Amino acid sequence: MPVSYNFPLRLDDDLREKLRYIAEKNSRSLNKEIEFLVKKHVEAYEKEHGAIAVPKE
């Protein structure tokens, strides 16, 4: 099972509310919506530039 890490994320109020709105429309929590968007961004990056090697512990 992957390990999850917590970290603070600062967003301006308007962006946070827009993300909250989108998350609600997608039946996700704000946290899960942000995680989804970050994963999509990484996938798009890897599609364009190739896979990113992640060291295994």
N, C-alpha and C. Protein backbone atom coordinates (compact mmCIF):
# COMPACT_ATOMS: atom_id res chain seq x y z
N MET A 1 0.85 -1.18 0.00
CA MET A 1 0.00 0.00 0.00
C MET A 1 0.89 1.24 0.00
N PRO A 2 0.59 2.21 -0.89
CA PRO A 2 1.39 3.43 -0.93
C PRO A 2 1.26 4.24 0.36
N VAL A 3 2.34 4.90 0.69
CA VAL A 3 2.35 5.77 1.87
C VAL A 3 1.85 7.14 1.45
N SER A 4 1.02 7.75 2.28
CA SER A 4 0.53 9.11 2.02
C SER A 4 1.26 10.09 2.91
N TYR A 5 1.52 11.28 2.38
CA TYR A 5 2.19 12.32 3.13
C TYR A 5 1.28 13.54 3.20
N ASN A 6 1.29 14.20 4.32
CA ASN A 6 0.52 15.43 4.51
C ASN A 6 1.45 16.62 4.37
N PHE A 7 0.94 17.67 3.74
CA PHE A 7 1.69 18.92 3.70
C PHE A 7 0.70 20.07 3.52
N PRO A 8 1.01 21.21 4.09
CA PRO A 8 0.11 22.35 3.96
C PRO A 8 0.16 22.89 2.52
N LEU A 9 -0.98 23.33 2.05
CA LEU A 9 -1.08 23.90 0.71
C LEU A 9 -1.80 25.23 0.83
N ARG A 10 -1.15 26.29 0.41
CA ARG A 10 -1.77 27.61 0.48
C ARG A 10 -2.41 27.94 -0.86
N LEU A 11 -3.68 28.26 -0.82
CA LEU A 11 -4.43 28.66 -2.00
C LEU A 11 -5.16 29.96 -1.69
N ASP A 12 -5.28 30.82 -2.69
CA ASP A 12 -6.09 32.01 -2.43
C ASP A 12 -7.56 31.57 -2.32
N ASP A 13 -8.35 32.40 -1.69
CA ASP A 13 -9.75 32.04 -1.40
C ASP A 13 -10.55 31.70 -2.65
N ASP A 14 -10.40 32.50 -3.69
CA ASP A 14 -11.18 32.25 -4.92
C ASP A 14 -10.83 30.90 -5.54
N LEU A 15 -9.55 30.60 -5.63
CA LEU A 15 -9.13 29.33 -6.21
C LEU A 15 -9.63 28.16 -5.37
N ARG A 16 -9.52 28.28 -4.06
CA ARG A 16 -10.00 27.22 -3.16
C ARG A 16 -11.49 26.98 -3.36
N GLU A 17 -12.26 28.03 -3.44
CA GLU A 17 -13.71 27.88 -3.62
C GLU A 17 -14.06 27.30 -4.99
N LYS A 18 -13.32 27.68 -6.01
CA LYS A 18 -13.55 27.10 -7.33
C LYS A 18 -13.22 25.61 -7.34
N LEU A 19 -12.11 25.25 -6.71
CA LEU A 19 -11.76 23.83 -6.62
C LEU A 19 -12.78 23.06 -5.80
N ARG A 20 -13.26 23.66 -4.72
CA ARG A 20 -14.28 23.02 -3.89
C ARG A 20 -15.55 22.78 -4.72
N TYR A 21 -15.93 23.75 -5.53
CA TYR A 21 -17.11 23.62 -6.40
C TYR A 21 -16.92 22.45 -7.38
N ILE A 22 -15.77 22.41 -8.03
CA ILE A 22 -15.47 21.33 -8.98
C ILE A 22 -15.47 19.98 -8.28
N ALA A 23 -14.86 19.92 -7.11
CA ALA A 23 -14.81 18.68 -6.34
C ALA A 23 -16.21 18.18 -6.02
N GLU A 24 -17.07 19.09 -5.60
CA GLU A 24 -18.45 18.71 -5.27
C GLU A 24 -19.17 18.18 -6.50
N LYS A 25 -18.99 18.82 -7.64
CA LYS A 25 -19.61 18.36 -8.89
C LYS A 25 -19.10 16.97 -9.29
N ASN A 26 -17.87 16.65 -8.92
CA ASN A 26 -17.27 15.35 -9.23
C ASN A 26 -17.42 14.34 -8.09
N SER A 27 -18.21 14.69 -7.08
CA SER A 27 -18.43 13.81 -5.91
C SER A 27 -17.12 13.40 -5.24
N ARG A 28 -16.22 14.38 -5.10
CA ARG A 28 -14.94 14.15 -4.44
C ARG A 28 -14.77 15.17 -3.32
N SER A 29 -13.91 14.82 -2.38
CA SER A 29 -13.49 15.81 -1.39
C SER A 29 -12.53 16.77 -2.08
N LEU A 30 -12.32 17.92 -1.46
CA LEU A 30 -11.36 18.87 -2.02
C LEU A 30 -9.98 18.23 -2.12
N ASN A 31 -9.58 17.50 -1.11
CA ASN A 31 -8.28 16.83 -1.12
C ASN A 31 -8.18 15.85 -2.28
N LYS A 32 -9.20 15.02 -2.48
CA LYS A 32 -9.17 14.04 -3.57
C LYS A 32 -9.19 14.71 -4.94
N GLU A 33 -9.87 15.83 -5.05
CA GLU A 33 -9.89 16.57 -6.32
C GLU A 33 -8.49 17.10 -6.63
N ILE A 34 -7.82 17.66 -5.65
CA ILE A 34 -6.46 18.17 -5.86
C ILE A 34 -5.53 17.02 -6.21
N GLU A 35 -5.65 15.89 -5.51
CA GLU A 35 -4.83 14.71 -5.81
C GLU A 35 -5.09 14.25 -7.25
N PHE A 36 -6.35 14.20 -7.66
CA PHE A 36 -6.72 13.80 -9.02
C PHE A 36 -6.06 14.73 -10.05
N LEU A 37 -6.14 16.02 -9.82
CA LEU A 37 -5.57 17.00 -10.75
C LEU A 37 -4.05 16.89 -10.83
N VAL A 38 -3.41 16.68 -9.71
CA VAL A 38 -1.94 16.52 -9.70
C VAL A 38 -1.55 15.26 -10.47
N LYS A 39 -2.27 14.16 -10.24
CA LYS A 39 -1.98 12.92 -10.98
C LYS A 39 -2.14 13.12 -12.48
N LYS A 40 -3.21 13.81 -12.89
CA LYS A 40 -3.42 14.08 -14.32
C LYS A 40 -2.28 14.92 -14.89
N HIS A 41 -1.81 15.88 -14.12
CA HIS A 41 -0.70 16.72 -14.58
C HIS A 41 0.57 15.89 -14.76
N VAL A 42 0.86 15.02 -13.81
CA VAL A 42 2.05 14.16 -13.90
C VAL A 42 1.92 13.22 -15.10
N GLU A 43 0.75 12.64 -15.30
CA GLU A 43 0.53 11.76 -16.46
C GLU A 43 0.77 12.51 -17.77
N ALA A 44 0.27 13.72 -17.87
CA ALA A 44 0.47 14.52 -19.08
C ALA A 44 1.95 14.84 -19.29
N TYR A 45 2.63 15.17 -18.21
CA TYR A 45 4.07 15.47 -18.30
C TYR A 45 4.83 14.24 -18.79
N GLU A 46 4.53 13.08 -18.18
CA GLU A 46 5.23 11.85 -18.56
C GLU A 46 4.91 11.45 -20.00
N LYS A 47 3.71 11.71 -20.45
CA LYS A 47 3.34 11.40 -21.83
C LYS A 47 4.19 12.21 -22.80
N GLU A 48 4.44 13.45 -22.44
CA GLU A 48 5.23 14.34 -23.30
C GLU A 48 6.73 14.11 -23.17
N HIS A 49 7.20 13.84 -21.94
CA HIS A 49 8.64 13.80 -21.68
C HIS A 49 9.19 12.42 -21.32
N GLY A 50 8.34 11.44 -21.17
CA GLY A 50 8.78 10.11 -20.77
C GLY A 50 8.58 9.88 -19.28
N ALA A 51 8.60 8.61 -18.92
CA ALA A 51 8.34 8.22 -17.54
C ALA A 51 9.39 8.80 -16.59
N ILE A 52 8.96 9.13 -15.41
CA ILE A 52 9.84 9.62 -14.36
C ILE A 52 10.17 8.45 -13.46
N ALA A 53 11.44 8.15 -13.32
CA ALA A 53 11.86 7.05 -12.45
C ALA A 53 11.76 7.48 -11.00
N VAL A 54 11.09 6.67 -10.20
CA VAL A 54 10.95 6.95 -8.77
C VAL A 54 11.72 5.87 -8.02
N PRO A 55 12.72 6.26 -7.22
CA PRO A 55 13.50 5.26 -6.48
C PRO A 55 12.63 4.49 -5.49
N LYS A 56 12.82 3.19 -5.44
CA LYS A 56 12.10 2.35 -4.48
C LYS A 56 12.96 2.20 -3.24
N GLU A 57 12.32 2.27 -2.10
CA GLU A 57 13.07 2.16 -0.84
C GLU A 57 13.38 0.72 -0.54
